[in-house]
Every structure is written in C-alpha cells, then in structure tokens.
Protein backbone atom coordinates (compact mmCIF):
# COMPACT_ATOMS: atom_id res chain seq x y z
CA MET A 1 -165.23 113.76 -103.70
CA PRO A 2 -164.48 116.40 -101.11
CA GLY A 3 -164.11 114.98 -97.64
CA ARG A 4 -163.34 111.43 -98.79
CA CYS A 5 -160.08 110.04 -97.48
CA ILE A 6 -157.92 107.20 -98.81
CA LEU A 7 -155.09 105.52 -96.93
CA VAL A 8 -152.33 104.28 -99.26
CA ILE A 9 -150.11 101.59 -97.70
CA ASP A 10 -147.05 100.83 -99.85
CA ASP A 11 -143.35 100.47 -99.06
CA GLU A 12 -142.21 102.02 -102.36
CA ASP A 13 -141.81 105.81 -102.20
CA ASP A 14 -142.50 106.35 -105.90
CA ILE A 15 -145.70 104.26 -105.83
CA ARG A 16 -147.00 106.17 -102.79
CA GLU A 17 -146.16 109.53 -104.36
CA VAL A 18 -147.72 108.71 -107.74
CA ALA A 19 -150.85 107.23 -106.13
CA GLN A 20 -151.20 110.21 -103.80
CA ALA A 21 -150.78 112.76 -106.59
CA SER A 22 -153.17 110.88 -108.87
CA LEU A 23 -155.92 110.55 -106.25
CA GLU A 24 -155.59 114.12 -105.02
CA ILE A 25 -155.39 115.76 -108.43
CA MET A 26 -157.75 113.55 -110.47
CA ALA A 27 -160.39 112.86 -107.81
CA GLY A 28 -159.91 115.55 -105.16
CA LEU A 29 -159.50 112.91 -102.47
CA ASP A 30 -157.62 113.43 -99.22
CA VAL A 31 -154.75 110.96 -99.13
CA ILE A 32 -152.86 109.64 -96.11
CA VAL A 33 -149.80 107.48 -96.73
CA ALA A 34 -148.07 104.75 -94.75
CA CYS A 35 -144.79 103.12 -95.74
CA SER A 36 -145.12 99.96 -93.63
CA SER A 37 -147.76 97.47 -92.58
CA GLN A 38 -147.59 98.51 -88.93
CA GLU A 39 -147.85 102.22 -89.76
CA GLY A 40 -150.78 101.41 -92.04
CA LEU A 41 -152.64 99.49 -89.34
CA GLU A 42 -152.11 102.33 -86.86
CA LYS A 43 -153.22 105.02 -89.31
CA ALA A 44 -156.27 102.98 -90.36
CA GLU A 45 -157.40 102.87 -86.74
CA THR A 46 -156.60 106.47 -85.79
CA GLU A 47 -157.45 108.26 -89.06
CA GLN A 48 -160.52 106.17 -90.05
CA PRO A 49 -160.11 106.58 -93.84
CA ASP A 50 -163.05 105.93 -96.18
CA ALA A 51 -161.02 103.27 -98.03
CA ILE A 52 -157.57 101.69 -98.06
CA LEU A 53 -155.34 101.05 -101.06
CA LEU A 54 -153.05 98.27 -99.84
CA ASP A 55 -149.94 96.83 -101.47
CA VAL A 56 -149.81 93.03 -101.27
CA MET A 57 -146.01 92.70 -101.22
CA LEU A 58 -144.85 94.51 -98.08
CA PRO A 59 -141.58 93.62 -96.33
CA ASP A 60 -142.68 93.57 -92.69
CA MET A 61 -146.09 91.89 -93.07
CA ASP A 62 -147.75 90.98 -96.36
CA GLY A 63 -150.89 92.77 -97.47
CA LEU A 64 -153.18 89.79 -96.84
CA THR A 65 -152.01 89.61 -93.23
CA VAL A 66 -152.60 93.36 -92.90
CA PHE A 67 -156.08 92.85 -94.37
CA GLN A 68 -156.80 90.10 -91.83
CA HIS A 69 -155.71 92.42 -88.99
CA LEU A 70 -157.99 95.15 -90.36
CA GLN A 71 -160.90 92.69 -90.53
CA ALA A 72 -160.26 91.45 -86.98
CA ASN A 73 -160.32 94.98 -85.53
CA PRO A 74 -163.85 96.35 -84.90
CA ALA A 75 -162.48 99.87 -85.44
CA THR A 76 -161.31 99.09 -89.00
CA GLN A 77 -163.33 96.12 -90.26
CA HIS A 78 -165.87 98.37 -92.02
CA ILE A 79 -163.24 100.09 -94.20
CA PRO A 80 -163.20 98.81 -97.80
CA VAL A 81 -159.79 97.54 -98.89
CA ILE A 82 -158.51 97.58 -102.47
CA LEU A 83 -155.38 95.54 -103.08
CA LEU A 84 -152.58 96.93 -105.21
CA THR A 85 -150.85 93.89 -106.63
CA ALA A 86 -148.76 92.45 -109.41
CA LYS A 87 -150.57 89.13 -108.73
CA VAL A 88 -153.46 89.26 -111.15
CA GLN A 89 -154.00 85.56 -111.82
CA ILE A 90 -157.63 84.45 -111.78
CA SER A 91 -156.91 82.14 -108.81
CA ASP A 92 -155.45 85.08 -106.84
CA GLN A 93 -158.42 87.28 -107.72
CA ARG A 94 -160.84 84.59 -106.59
CA ARG A 95 -158.94 84.05 -103.32
CA PHE A 96 -158.83 87.79 -102.57
CA ALA A 97 -162.56 88.12 -103.30
CA GLU A 98 -163.37 85.19 -101.00
CA LEU A 99 -161.45 86.92 -98.21
CA GLY A 100 -163.64 89.99 -98.59
CA VAL A 101 -161.27 92.28 -100.44
CA LYS A 102 -163.31 94.97 -102.22
CA ALA A 103 -161.26 94.91 -105.44
CA MET A 104 -157.81 94.60 -106.96
CA ILE A 105 -155.86 97.08 -109.00
CA ALA A 106 -152.95 95.65 -110.97
CA LYS A 107 -149.42 96.96 -110.62
CA PRO A 108 -148.01 98.72 -112.43
CA PHE A 109 -151.10 100.91 -112.60
CA LYS A 110 -151.70 103.82 -114.94
CA PRO A 111 -151.63 107.02 -112.83
CA ALA A 112 -154.19 108.69 -115.11
CA ARG A 113 -156.65 105.80 -114.55
CA LEU A 114 -156.06 105.07 -110.86
CA ALA A 115 -158.58 107.59 -109.54
CA ASP A 116 -161.30 106.39 -111.95
CA GLN A 117 -160.63 102.74 -111.05
CA LEU A 118 -160.81 103.51 -107.34
CA LEU A 119 -163.95 105.64 -107.59
CA SER A 120 -165.61 103.01 -109.73
CA VAL A 121 -164.96 100.03 -107.42
CA LEU A 122 -166.06 102.07 -104.40
CA GLY A 123 -169.19 103.34 -106.18
CA TRP A 124 -168.14 106.95 -105.57
CA ASN A 125 -168.38 108.25 -109.13
CA ALA A 126 -171.75 109.91 -108.75
C-alpha cells in the first residue's frame, strides 16, 4: 500500500511503537503517531491521513470525543476511524457502529495481525 498513511493516536508509547512497526513492516504503510487527543486532532487536520487508528481510553479526551471532533470538522470528517479498545462488548460495538466508527480492533492486539485487520476493514487488501 505505498502512499497510504495511517495516523495512530494512543497515549501508550509501547502501543504506538508496536502499531507503527507492524503497519510499516507488514503493510508498507506510512505511519504518523500522536500521543494525545489534541495532537491527534491537529495531525489529522494538517496531515490528512487515509485512516486513523484511535485509542478509546485517552487521558486528556476520550476517543469517542476525539471521534466526534473529527466528524464535526469538514477537513477530517471523511477520514475513516478504527477504534483501538479493550471494550469489546456487543453493546459497545453496536454503539460505536451507530456513531459511524469504521471498525474496532480489540486491545491487546496481535502485532502480526494488526496490518491485515486494518487493511481488511478499510478494503485495502487488493
């Protein structure tokens, strides 16, 4: 997937590093990282990634609030968002889908499968 760019927004250094390495090595994606909600919102607007991998549990603003900000901004509302979450209850999945979230990937994720999961939900595995 040369030329495709993913923004990873997560406050945990190890999660960002593992996700970045997995997506770059396994899928050849360009990866931008943000360690806070605010940094993520700014990078989404300025960098215009092809998709966003967003942690739900962020300290400064939770992932759903970040998602709502992304949806409210005409510059970012077209970017598909995949939530990275430990909340994988059916009710949570349904609520996230109703909000317009593209997909969910459960934490902890398997680094070897992350790229395939992401490419699959985005329809990029041509």
